[in-house]
């Protein structure tokens, strides 16, 4: 039996906020101003050279829209007989359109037929994240060759910090589901 959505005079709690699809806190909620032509970030994904910064910007934007569970696959597609199926489809299609709006024409041409936002996100990651080793090498080389020269200390520091931040983003922690007893968990624990 589907859950009845009712308005209540009691303040929302974390449990009932996440169950009410009309709540702004629910990942399937779409704001009236949300539309498929919305451009969440100005930066377009052009290839491996800007994937990590594009991904970070896109994750921030999708987090602000409360849609990360859609791209991570944490919010699974409901069965066809579920009352949430149409809402999930609409939200999934909206997220796909937002992602495609931030991908260059040449990159996005072969992605238009991906069925879910999580599959699209994974496909982009599979294609461009594997090339991050080259980018990590390039950043490390740029960082070792960075000199202050005529820059102010503030500009020099911001350039250096930009390299560090991008390198850190490229070495992002791996998802670990084994309570950090594995090598990835140990490595990530050392990095923190």
N, C-alpha and C. Protein backbone atom coordinates (compact mmCIF):
# COMPACT_ATOMS: atom_id res chain seq x y z
N UNK A 1 0.85 -1.19 0.00
CA UNK A 1 0.00 0.00 0.00
C UNK A 1 0.88 1.24 0.00
N UNK A 2 0.64 2.19 -0.91
CA UNK A 2 1.48 3.38 -0.96
C UNK A 2 1.29 4.26 0.26
N UNK A 3 2.35 4.93 0.62
CA UNK A 3 2.31 5.84 1.76
C UNK A 3 1.49 7.08 1.41
N UNK A 4 0.61 7.49 2.29
CA UNK A 4 -0.19 8.68 2.07
C UNK A 4 0.61 9.89 2.52
N UNK A 5 0.63 10.89 1.67
CA UNK A 5 1.36 12.11 1.99
C UNK A 5 0.37 13.10 2.58
N UNK A 6 0.63 13.48 3.81
CA UNK A 6 -0.26 14.42 4.48
C UNK A 6 0.56 15.54 5.06
N UNK A 7 -0.09 16.68 5.21
CA UNK A 7 0.57 17.80 5.89
C UNK A 7 0.31 17.65 7.37
N UNK A 8 1.29 17.95 8.14
CA UNK A 8 1.19 17.79 9.57
C UNK A 8 1.64 19.07 10.25
N UNK A 9 1.10 19.29 11.43
CA UNK A 9 1.51 20.48 12.17
C UNK A 9 2.81 20.22 12.94
N UNK A 10 3.25 18.97 12.98
CA UNK A 10 4.49 18.68 13.68
C UNK A 10 5.67 19.01 12.78
N UNK A 11 6.74 19.51 13.37
CA UNK A 11 7.90 19.83 12.55
C UNK A 11 8.48 18.57 11.91
N UNK A 12 9.06 18.72 10.72
CA UNK A 12 9.60 17.54 10.05
C UNK A 12 10.82 17.00 10.77
N UNK A 13 10.93 15.69 10.78
CA UNK A 13 12.12 15.04 11.32
C UNK A 13 12.88 14.46 10.15
N UNK A 14 14.09 14.00 10.42
CA UNK A 14 14.89 13.48 9.32
C UNK A 14 14.22 12.26 8.69
N UNK A 15 13.48 11.49 9.47
CA UNK A 15 12.85 10.29 8.89
C UNK A 15 11.66 10.65 8.02
N UNK A 16 10.77 11.56 8.48
CA UNK A 16 9.60 11.85 7.65
C UNK A 16 9.90 12.84 6.53
N UNK A 17 10.99 13.61 6.63
CA UNK A 17 11.38 14.48 5.52
C UNK A 17 11.82 13.66 4.33
N UNK A 18 12.53 12.58 4.59
CA UNK A 18 13.05 11.79 3.49
C UNK A 18 11.99 10.89 2.87
N UNK A 19 10.87 10.68 3.54
CA UNK A 19 9.80 9.84 3.01
C UNK A 19 8.79 10.62 2.18
N UNK A 20 8.69 11.90 2.39
CA UNK A 20 7.69 12.74 1.73
C UNK A 20 8.26 13.29 0.43
N UNK A 21 7.78 12.79 -0.71
CA UNK A 21 8.35 13.22 -1.99
C UNK A 21 8.00 14.66 -2.33
N UNK A 22 7.11 15.27 -1.58
CA UNK A 22 6.80 16.68 -1.79
C UNK A 22 7.70 17.58 -0.95
N UNK A 23 8.55 16.98 -0.14
CA UNK A 23 9.47 17.73 0.69
C UNK A 23 10.71 18.11 -0.12
N UNK A 24 11.20 19.31 0.08
CA UNK A 24 12.42 19.74 -0.62
C UNK A 24 13.61 18.88 -0.21
N UNK A 25 13.49 18.12 0.86
CA UNK A 25 14.57 17.28 1.34
C UNK A 25 14.59 15.90 0.67
N UNK A 26 13.57 15.59 -0.09
CA UNK A 26 13.51 14.28 -0.76
C UNK A 26 14.27 14.36 -2.08
N UNK A 27 15.10 13.36 -2.40
CA UNK A 27 15.88 13.42 -3.64
C UNK A 27 15.05 13.41 -4.92
N UNK A 28 13.79 13.00 -4.85
CA UNK A 28 12.94 13.00 -6.05
C UNK A 28 12.19 14.33 -6.23
N UNK A 29 12.29 15.20 -5.25
CA UNK A 29 11.61 16.49 -5.34
C UNK A 29 12.25 17.35 -6.43
N UNK A 30 11.41 17.92 -7.27
CA UNK A 30 11.88 18.89 -8.26
C UNK A 30 11.23 20.24 -7.97
N UNK A 31 12.05 21.25 -7.90
CA UNK A 31 11.57 22.61 -7.66
C UNK A 31 10.81 23.09 -8.89
N UNK A 32 9.82 23.95 -8.73
CA UNK A 32 9.08 24.46 -9.90
C UNK A 32 9.98 25.14 -10.94
N UNK A 33 11.12 25.66 -10.52
CA UNK A 33 12.04 26.31 -11.47
C UNK A 33 12.99 25.34 -12.16
N UNK A 34 12.97 24.07 -11.75
CA UNK A 34 13.82 23.07 -12.41
C UNK A 34 13.23 22.73 -13.77
N UNK A 35 14.08 22.67 -14.78
CA UNK A 35 13.65 22.31 -16.12
C UNK A 35 14.81 21.67 -16.86
N UNK A 36 14.53 20.92 -17.93
CA UNK A 36 15.59 20.20 -18.63
C UNK A 36 16.67 21.09 -19.24
N UNK A 37 16.37 22.33 -19.55
CA UNK A 37 17.36 23.22 -20.15
C UNK A 37 18.25 23.92 -19.14
N UNK A 38 18.03 23.66 -17.86
CA UNK A 38 18.80 24.31 -16.80
C UNK A 38 20.27 23.94 -16.90
N UNK A 39 21.12 24.92 -16.80
CA UNK A 39 22.57 24.70 -16.82
C UNK A 39 23.06 24.89 -15.39
N UNK A 40 23.45 23.79 -14.77
CA UNK A 40 23.85 23.83 -13.37
C UNK A 40 25.22 24.45 -13.17
N UNK A 41 26.13 24.22 -14.10
CA UNK A 41 27.48 24.78 -13.99
C UNK A 41 27.88 25.37 -15.34
N UNK A 42 28.69 26.38 -15.31
CA UNK A 42 29.12 27.04 -16.54
C UNK A 42 30.18 26.23 -17.27
N UNK A 43 30.94 25.45 -16.53
CA UNK A 43 32.04 24.66 -17.09
C UNK A 43 31.49 23.47 -17.86
N UNK A 44 31.95 23.28 -19.09
CA UNK A 44 31.55 22.12 -19.90
C UNK A 44 32.66 21.08 -19.87
N UNK A 45 32.25 19.82 -19.78
CA UNK A 45 33.21 18.73 -19.87
C UNK A 45 33.67 18.61 -21.31
N UNK A 46 34.96 18.76 -21.52
CA UNK A 46 35.51 18.69 -22.87
C UNK A 46 36.37 17.44 -23.07
N UNK A 47 36.77 16.81 -21.99
CA UNK A 47 37.61 15.62 -22.10
C UNK A 47 38.36 15.37 -20.82
N UNK A 48 39.39 14.54 -20.90
CA UNK A 48 40.13 14.17 -19.70
C UNK A 48 40.85 15.34 -19.06
N UNK A 49 41.16 16.38 -19.83
CA UNK A 49 41.92 17.50 -19.28
C UNK A 49 41.14 18.30 -18.24
N UNK A 50 39.81 18.26 -18.29
CA UNK A 50 39.06 19.01 -17.28
C UNK A 50 38.03 18.15 -16.55
N UNK A 51 38.15 16.82 -16.68
CA UNK A 51 37.15 15.94 -16.05
C UNK A 51 37.09 16.11 -14.54
N UNK A 52 38.23 16.12 -13.87
CA UNK A 52 38.20 16.16 -12.40
C UNK A 52 37.58 17.45 -11.88
N UNK A 53 37.91 18.58 -12.48
CA UNK A 53 37.32 19.84 -12.00
C UNK A 53 35.85 19.92 -12.40
N UNK A 54 35.50 19.40 -13.60
CA UNK A 54 34.09 19.36 -14.02
C UNK A 54 33.29 18.48 -13.06
N UNK A 55 33.83 17.31 -12.74
CA UNK A 55 33.14 16.37 -11.84
C UNK A 55 32.90 17.02 -10.49
N UNK A 56 33.91 17.68 -9.96
CA UNK A 56 33.77 18.33 -8.65
C UNK A 56 32.70 19.41 -8.70
N UNK A 57 32.71 20.24 -9.74
CA UNK A 57 31.69 21.29 -9.88
C UNK A 57 30.30 20.70 -10.03
N UNK A 58 30.19 19.63 -10.81
CA UNK A 58 28.90 19.00 -11.04
C UNK A 58 28.37 18.35 -9.76
N UNK A 59 29.27 17.73 -8.99
CA UNK A 59 28.84 17.11 -7.73
C UNK A 59 28.36 18.16 -6.74
N UNK A 60 29.02 19.30 -6.71
CA UNK A 60 28.57 20.39 -5.82
C UNK A 60 27.18 20.85 -6.24
N UNK A 61 26.97 21.04 -7.54
CA UNK A 61 25.67 21.50 -8.04
C UNK A 61 24.58 20.47 -7.78
N UNK A 62 24.87 19.19 -8.04
CA UNK A 62 23.87 18.15 -7.81
C UNK A 62 23.60 17.96 -6.32
N UNK A 63 24.60 18.16 -5.50
CA UNK A 63 24.40 18.10 -4.05
C UNK A 63 23.49 19.23 -3.60
N UNK A 64 23.70 20.41 -4.16
CA UNK A 64 22.85 21.56 -3.81
C UNK A 64 21.40 21.29 -4.23
N UNK A 65 21.21 20.52 -5.30
CA UNK A 65 19.87 20.15 -5.76
C UNK A 65 19.36 18.88 -5.07
N UNK A 66 20.17 18.29 -4.18
CA UNK A 66 19.83 17.07 -3.45
C UNK A 66 19.61 15.90 -4.41
N UNK A 67 20.48 15.78 -5.41
CA UNK A 67 20.32 14.73 -6.42
C UNK A 67 21.51 13.76 -6.47
N UNK A 68 22.40 13.80 -5.49
CA UNK A 68 23.55 12.90 -5.50
C UNK A 68 23.13 11.44 -5.44
N UNK A 69 22.05 11.13 -4.71
CA UNK A 69 21.60 9.74 -4.61
C UNK A 69 21.13 9.20 -5.96
N UNK A 70 20.75 10.08 -6.86
CA UNK A 70 20.34 9.66 -8.20
C UNK A 70 21.57 9.21 -8.99
N UNK A 71 22.64 10.00 -8.95
CA UNK A 71 23.82 9.65 -9.76
C UNK A 71 24.66 8.55 -9.15
N UNK A 72 24.62 8.40 -7.83
CA UNK A 72 25.39 7.33 -7.21
C UNK A 72 24.67 5.99 -7.31
N UNK A 73 23.39 6.02 -7.66
CA UNK A 73 22.60 4.80 -7.74
C UNK A 73 22.06 4.37 -6.39
N UNK A 74 22.29 5.19 -5.36
CA UNK A 74 21.79 4.88 -4.02
C UNK A 74 20.26 4.88 -4.01
N UNK A 75 19.66 5.75 -4.79
CA UNK A 75 18.20 5.78 -4.92
C UNK A 75 17.86 4.95 -6.16
N UNK A 76 17.51 3.71 -5.94
CA UNK A 76 17.29 2.75 -7.02
C UNK A 76 15.99 3.05 -7.77
N UNK A 77 15.98 2.61 -9.02
CA UNK A 77 14.78 2.75 -9.84
C UNK A 77 13.68 1.87 -9.27
N UNK A 78 12.50 2.44 -9.01
CA UNK A 78 11.40 1.63 -8.47
C UNK A 78 10.87 0.66 -9.52
N UNK A 79 10.17 -0.35 -9.06
CA UNK A 79 9.55 -1.31 -9.98
C UNK A 79 8.47 -0.60 -10.78
N UNK A 80 8.09 -1.19 -11.89
CA UNK A 80 7.11 -0.55 -12.79
C UNK A 80 5.75 -0.37 -12.15
N UNK A 81 5.41 -1.17 -11.14
CA UNK A 81 4.11 -1.02 -10.49
C UNK A 81 4.15 -0.09 -9.27
N UNK A 82 5.31 0.49 -8.99
CA UNK A 82 5.44 1.40 -7.85
C UNK A 82 4.83 2.76 -8.18
N UNK A 83 4.16 3.37 -7.21
CA UNK A 83 3.62 4.72 -7.44
C UNK A 83 4.73 5.77 -7.60
N UNK A 84 5.95 5.44 -7.21
CA UNK A 84 7.07 6.37 -7.35
C UNK A 84 7.76 6.28 -8.70
N UNK A 85 7.41 5.30 -9.51
CA UNK A 85 8.09 5.06 -10.78
C UNK A 85 8.06 6.30 -11.69
N UNK A 86 6.91 6.91 -11.87
CA UNK A 86 6.79 8.08 -12.75
C UNK A 86 7.61 9.25 -12.21
N UNK A 87 7.58 9.44 -10.90
CA UNK A 87 8.34 10.53 -10.28
C UNK A 87 9.83 10.27 -10.42
N UNK A 88 10.25 9.02 -10.19
CA UNK A 88 11.65 8.67 -10.34
C UNK A 88 12.11 8.87 -11.78
N UNK A 89 11.29 8.43 -12.75
CA UNK A 89 11.63 8.60 -14.17
C UNK A 89 11.81 10.08 -14.51
N UNK A 90 10.90 10.90 -14.05
CA UNK A 90 10.97 12.34 -14.34
C UNK A 90 12.23 12.96 -13.74
N UNK A 91 12.53 12.63 -12.49
CA UNK A 91 13.71 13.17 -11.83
C UNK A 91 14.99 12.64 -12.49
N UNK A 92 15.01 11.36 -12.81
CA UNK A 92 16.16 10.76 -13.49
C UNK A 92 16.40 11.46 -14.83
N UNK A 93 15.34 11.67 -15.61
CA UNK A 93 15.47 12.34 -16.90
C UNK A 93 15.96 13.78 -16.74
N UNK A 94 15.50 14.44 -15.68
CA UNK A 94 15.93 15.81 -15.42
C UNK A 94 17.43 15.84 -15.12
N UNK A 95 17.90 14.93 -14.29
CA UNK A 95 19.32 14.88 -13.94
C UNK A 95 20.15 14.54 -15.18
N UNK A 96 19.67 13.61 -16.00
CA UNK A 96 20.38 13.29 -17.25
C UNK A 96 20.51 14.54 -18.11
N UNK A 97 19.43 15.29 -18.24
CA UNK A 97 19.49 16.50 -19.07
C UNK A 97 20.45 17.53 -18.48
N UNK A 98 20.50 17.67 -17.16
CA UNK A 98 21.43 18.61 -16.54
C UNK A 98 22.87 18.20 -16.81
N UNK A 99 23.14 16.90 -16.71
CA UNK A 99 24.50 16.43 -16.98
C UNK A 99 24.85 16.67 -18.44
N UNK A 100 23.95 16.31 -19.35
CA UNK A 100 24.22 16.49 -20.77
C UNK A 100 24.38 17.96 -21.15
N UNK A 101 23.70 18.85 -20.43
CA UNK A 101 23.84 20.29 -20.68
C UNK A 101 25.23 20.79 -20.33
N UNK A 102 25.95 20.04 -19.51
CA UNK A 102 27.27 20.48 -19.07
C UNK A 102 28.40 19.69 -19.75
N UNK A 103 28.04 18.97 -20.80
CA UNK A 103 29.02 18.19 -21.54
C UNK A 103 29.13 18.78 -22.94
N UNK A 104 30.35 18.89 -23.46
CA UNK A 104 30.52 19.47 -24.79
C UNK A 104 29.77 18.63 -25.83
N UNK A 105 29.42 19.26 -26.93
CA UNK A 105 28.66 18.60 -27.99
C UNK A 105 29.35 17.33 -28.47
N UNK A 106 30.64 17.41 -28.72
CA UNK A 106 31.36 16.25 -29.24
C UNK A 106 31.42 15.11 -28.22
N UNK A 107 31.50 15.45 -26.94
CA UNK A 107 31.55 14.44 -25.89
C UNK A 107 30.18 13.84 -25.65
N UNK A 108 29.14 14.65 -25.71
CA UNK A 108 27.80 14.22 -25.36
C UNK A 108 27.04 13.48 -26.45
N UNK A 109 27.50 13.52 -27.68
CA UNK A 109 26.76 12.90 -28.77
C UNK A 109 26.49 11.42 -28.55
N UNK A 110 27.43 10.69 -28.02
CA UNK A 110 27.24 9.25 -27.85
C UNK A 110 26.61 8.90 -26.50
N UNK A 111 26.23 9.89 -25.71
CA UNK A 111 25.69 9.63 -24.38
C UNK A 111 24.17 9.81 -24.30
N UNK A 112 23.56 10.24 -25.35
CA UNK A 112 22.15 10.61 -25.33
C UNK A 112 21.19 9.45 -25.10
N UNK A 113 21.67 8.22 -25.26
CA UNK A 113 20.77 7.09 -25.15
C UNK A 113 21.00 6.28 -23.88
N UNK A 114 21.75 6.82 -22.94
CA UNK A 114 21.96 6.16 -21.66
C UNK A 114 20.66 6.31 -20.86
N UNK A 115 20.21 5.21 -20.26
CA UNK A 115 18.88 5.15 -19.63
C UNK A 115 18.79 5.83 -18.26
N UNK A 116 19.84 5.72 -17.45
CA UNK A 116 19.75 6.28 -16.10
C UNK A 116 20.89 7.28 -15.86
N UNK A 117 20.63 8.20 -14.95
CA UNK A 117 21.64 9.19 -14.59
C UNK A 117 22.86 8.52 -13.95
N UNK A 118 22.62 7.48 -13.16
CA UNK A 118 23.76 6.78 -12.53
C UNK A 118 24.60 6.06 -13.59
N UNK A 119 23.96 5.48 -14.62
CA UNK A 119 24.71 4.83 -15.69
C UNK A 119 25.51 5.86 -16.49
N UNK A 120 24.91 7.03 -16.72
CA UNK A 120 25.60 8.11 -17.43
C UNK A 120 26.80 8.58 -16.63
N UNK A 121 26.61 8.79 -15.34
CA UNK A 121 27.69 9.24 -14.46
C UNK A 121 28.82 8.22 -14.44
N UNK A 122 28.46 6.94 -14.34
CA UNK A 122 29.47 5.87 -14.33
C UNK A 122 30.20 5.82 -15.66
N UNK A 123 29.48 5.95 -16.75
CA UNK A 123 30.12 5.90 -18.07
C UNK A 123 31.12 7.04 -18.25
N UNK A 124 30.75 8.24 -17.81
CA UNK A 124 31.68 9.37 -17.88
C UNK A 124 32.91 9.10 -17.02
N UNK A 125 32.69 8.58 -15.82
CA UNK A 125 33.80 8.27 -14.93
C UNK A 125 34.70 7.18 -15.50
N UNK A 126 34.07 6.14 -16.03
CA UNK A 126 34.86 5.04 -16.61
C UNK A 126 35.72 5.54 -17.77
N UNK A 127 35.18 6.44 -18.55
CA UNK A 127 35.89 6.91 -19.73
C UNK A 127 37.00 7.92 -19.39
N UNK A 128 36.69 8.87 -18.51
CA UNK A 128 37.63 9.96 -18.26
C UNK A 128 38.47 9.80 -17.01
N UNK A 129 38.00 9.11 -15.99
CA UNK A 129 38.77 8.97 -14.75
C UNK A 129 40.00 8.10 -14.96
N UNK A 130 39.96 7.17 -15.89
CA UNK A 130 41.12 6.31 -16.13
C UNK A 130 42.30 7.12 -16.67
N UNK A 131 42.01 8.25 -17.22
CA UNK A 131 43.07 9.07 -17.80
C UNK A 131 43.66 10.04 -16.77
N UNK A 132 43.21 9.97 -15.51
CA UNK A 132 43.68 10.90 -14.50
C UNK A 132 45.14 10.69 -14.11
N UNK A 133 45.70 9.49 -14.36
CA UNK A 133 47.10 9.25 -14.04
C UNK A 133 48.00 10.22 -14.78
N UNK A 134 47.68 10.46 -16.05
CA UNK A 134 48.44 11.42 -16.84
C UNK A 134 48.30 12.82 -16.24
N UNK A 135 47.07 13.18 -15.86
CA UNK A 135 46.84 14.51 -15.29
C UNK A 135 47.57 14.66 -13.96
N UNK A 136 47.60 13.60 -13.15
CA UNK A 136 48.31 13.66 -11.87
C UNK A 136 49.80 13.89 -12.11
N UNK A 137 50.37 13.22 -13.10
CA UNK A 137 51.77 13.43 -13.44
C UNK A 137 52.01 14.87 -13.87
N UNK A 138 51.09 15.40 -14.72
CA UNK A 138 51.23 16.78 -15.22
C UNK A 138 51.15 17.79 -14.08
N UNK A 139 50.22 17.59 -13.17
CA UNK A 139 50.07 18.51 -12.03
C UNK A 139 51.31 18.47 -11.15
N UNK A 140 51.80 17.27 -10.89
CA UNK A 140 53.01 17.13 -10.06
C UNK A 140 54.18 17.85 -10.72
N UNK A 141 54.32 17.69 -12.04
CA UNK A 141 55.41 18.38 -12.76
C UNK A 141 55.22 19.89 -12.69
N UNK A 142 53.99 20.36 -12.91
CA UNK A 142 53.71 21.80 -12.84
C UNK A 142 53.99 22.35 -11.44
N UNK A 143 53.65 21.56 -10.43
CA UNK A 143 53.86 21.98 -9.04
C UNK A 143 55.34 22.09 -8.72
N UNK A 144 56.14 21.15 -9.19
CA UNK A 144 57.58 21.21 -8.91
C UNK A 144 58.26 22.34 -9.67
N UNK A 145 57.69 22.76 -10.80
CA UNK A 145 58.28 23.83 -11.59
C UNK A 145 57.71 25.21 -11.24
N UNK A 146 56.73 25.26 -10.35
CA UNK A 146 56.11 26.53 -9.98
C UNK A 146 57.12 27.42 -9.24
N UNK A 147 57.26 28.63 -9.70
CA UNK A 147 58.15 29.62 -9.07
C UNK A 147 57.37 30.90 -8.85
N UNK A 148 57.73 31.61 -7.82
CA UNK A 148 57.02 32.85 -7.50
C UNK A 148 57.30 33.93 -8.53
N UNK A 149 58.53 34.06 -8.97
CA UNK A 149 58.92 35.10 -9.93
C UNK A 149 58.33 36.44 -9.55
N UNK A 150 57.54 37.06 -10.42
CA UNK A 150 56.98 38.39 -10.15
C UNK A 150 55.59 38.36 -9.52
N UNK A 151 55.12 37.15 -9.16
CA UNK A 151 53.79 37.04 -8.54
C UNK A 151 53.84 37.51 -7.09
N UNK A 152 52.71 38.05 -6.65
CA UNK A 152 52.61 38.35 -5.21
C UNK A 152 52.53 37.01 -4.48
N UNK A 153 52.79 37.04 -3.19
CA UNK A 153 52.75 35.81 -2.40
C UNK A 153 51.35 35.21 -2.42
N UNK A 154 50.32 36.07 -2.45
CA UNK A 154 48.93 35.60 -2.48
C UNK A 154 48.64 34.84 -3.78
N UNK A 155 49.06 35.39 -4.92
CA UNK A 155 48.82 34.75 -6.22
C UNK A 155 49.62 33.44 -6.30
N UNK A 156 50.86 33.50 -5.85
CA UNK A 156 51.71 32.30 -5.85
C UNK A 156 51.08 31.20 -5.00
N UNK A 157 50.63 31.57 -3.81
CA UNK A 157 49.99 30.60 -2.91
C UNK A 157 48.72 30.03 -3.55
N UNK A 158 47.89 30.87 -4.16
CA UNK A 158 46.65 30.39 -4.79
C UNK A 158 46.95 29.43 -5.94
N UNK A 159 47.97 29.72 -6.72
CA UNK A 159 48.37 28.80 -7.80
C UNK A 159 48.82 27.46 -7.23
N UNK A 160 49.65 27.52 -6.19
CA UNK A 160 50.14 26.30 -5.57
C UNK A 160 48.99 25.52 -4.93
N UNK A 161 48.12 26.22 -4.24
CA UNK A 161 46.98 25.56 -3.59
C UNK A 161 46.04 24.96 -4.62
N UNK A 162 45.88 25.63 -5.76
CA UNK A 162 45.05 25.08 -6.83
C UNK A 162 45.58 23.74 -7.32
N UNK A 163 46.90 23.64 -7.48
CA UNK A 163 47.52 22.37 -7.88
C UNK A 163 47.29 21.31 -6.80
N UNK A 164 47.51 21.69 -5.54
CA UNK A 164 47.32 20.74 -4.44
C UNK A 164 45.88 20.24 -4.40
N UNK A 165 44.93 21.17 -4.51
CA UNK A 165 43.52 20.79 -4.45
C UNK A 165 43.13 19.87 -5.60
N UNK A 166 43.61 20.17 -6.80
CA UNK A 166 43.29 19.31 -7.94
C UNK A 166 43.93 17.93 -7.76
N UNK A 167 45.16 17.90 -7.28
CA UNK A 167 45.83 16.63 -7.04
C UNK A 167 45.06 15.83 -5.98
N UNK A 168 44.61 16.50 -4.94
CA UNK A 168 43.84 15.84 -3.89
C UNK A 168 42.52 15.30 -4.45
N UNK A 169 41.86 16.07 -5.34
CA UNK A 169 40.61 15.62 -5.94
C UNK A 169 40.82 14.40 -6.83
N UNK A 170 41.95 14.38 -7.52
CA UNK A 170 42.25 13.23 -8.38
C UNK A 170 42.56 11.99 -7.57
N UNK A 171 43.05 12.18 -6.36
CA UNK A 171 43.35 11.06 -5.47
C UNK A 171 42.22 10.88 -4.47
N UNK A 172 40.98 11.16 -4.89
CA UNK A 172 39.83 11.10 -4.00
C UNK A 172 39.71 9.72 -3.35
N UNK A 173 39.21 9.68 -2.12
CA UNK A 173 39.08 8.39 -1.43
C UNK A 173 38.18 7.43 -2.20
N UNK A 174 38.53 6.17 -2.14
CA UNK A 174 37.72 5.12 -2.75
C UNK A 174 36.60 4.76 -1.80
N UNK A 175 35.46 4.41 -2.35
CA UNK A 175 34.37 3.94 -1.52
C UNK A 175 34.79 2.60 -0.91
N UNK A 176 34.66 2.51 0.37
CA UNK A 176 35.07 1.30 1.06
C UNK A 176 33.89 0.82 1.88
N UNK A 177 33.46 -0.41 1.68
CA UNK A 177 32.30 -0.92 2.40
C UNK A 177 32.69 -1.97 3.44
N UNK A 178 33.98 -2.05 3.72
CA UNK A 178 34.43 -3.10 4.65
C UNK A 178 34.95 -2.50 5.95
N UNK A 179 34.36 -1.42 6.41
CA UNK A 179 34.74 -0.77 7.66
C UNK A 179 36.23 -0.43 7.71
N UNK A 180 36.77 -0.06 6.57
CA UNK A 180 38.13 0.44 6.44
C UNK A 180 39.20 -0.52 6.93
N UNK A 181 38.98 -1.81 6.79
CA UNK A 181 40.00 -2.79 7.14
C UNK A 181 40.82 -3.18 5.92
N UNK A 182 40.40 -2.76 4.73
CA UNK A 182 41.11 -3.11 3.51
C UNK A 182 42.22 -2.09 3.24
N UNK A 183 43.01 -2.32 2.20
CA UNK A 183 44.10 -1.42 1.86
C UNK A 183 43.60 -0.02 1.50
N UNK A 184 42.49 0.05 0.74
CA UNK A 184 41.94 1.36 0.39
C UNK A 184 41.55 2.14 1.65
N UNK A 185 40.95 1.46 2.59
CA UNK A 185 40.57 2.11 3.83
C UNK A 185 41.76 2.62 4.61
N UNK A 186 42.82 1.81 4.66
CA UNK A 186 44.04 2.23 5.36
C UNK A 186 44.68 3.43 4.65
N UNK A 187 44.75 3.35 3.33
CA UNK A 187 45.34 4.45 2.56
C UNK A 187 44.56 5.73 2.76
N UNK A 188 43.23 5.64 2.67
CA UNK A 188 42.40 6.83 2.86
C UNK A 188 42.49 7.37 4.26
N UNK A 189 42.60 6.49 5.24
CA UNK A 189 42.74 6.93 6.62
C UNK A 189 44.04 7.69 6.83
N UNK A 190 45.10 7.26 6.15
CA UNK A 190 46.39 7.95 6.24
C UNK A 190 46.34 9.31 5.58
N UNK A 191 45.52 9.45 4.53
CA UNK A 191 45.44 10.71 3.79
C UNK A 191 44.69 11.77 4.58
N UNK A 192 43.81 11.39 5.46
CA UNK A 192 42.94 12.36 6.14
C UNK A 192 43.66 13.15 7.18
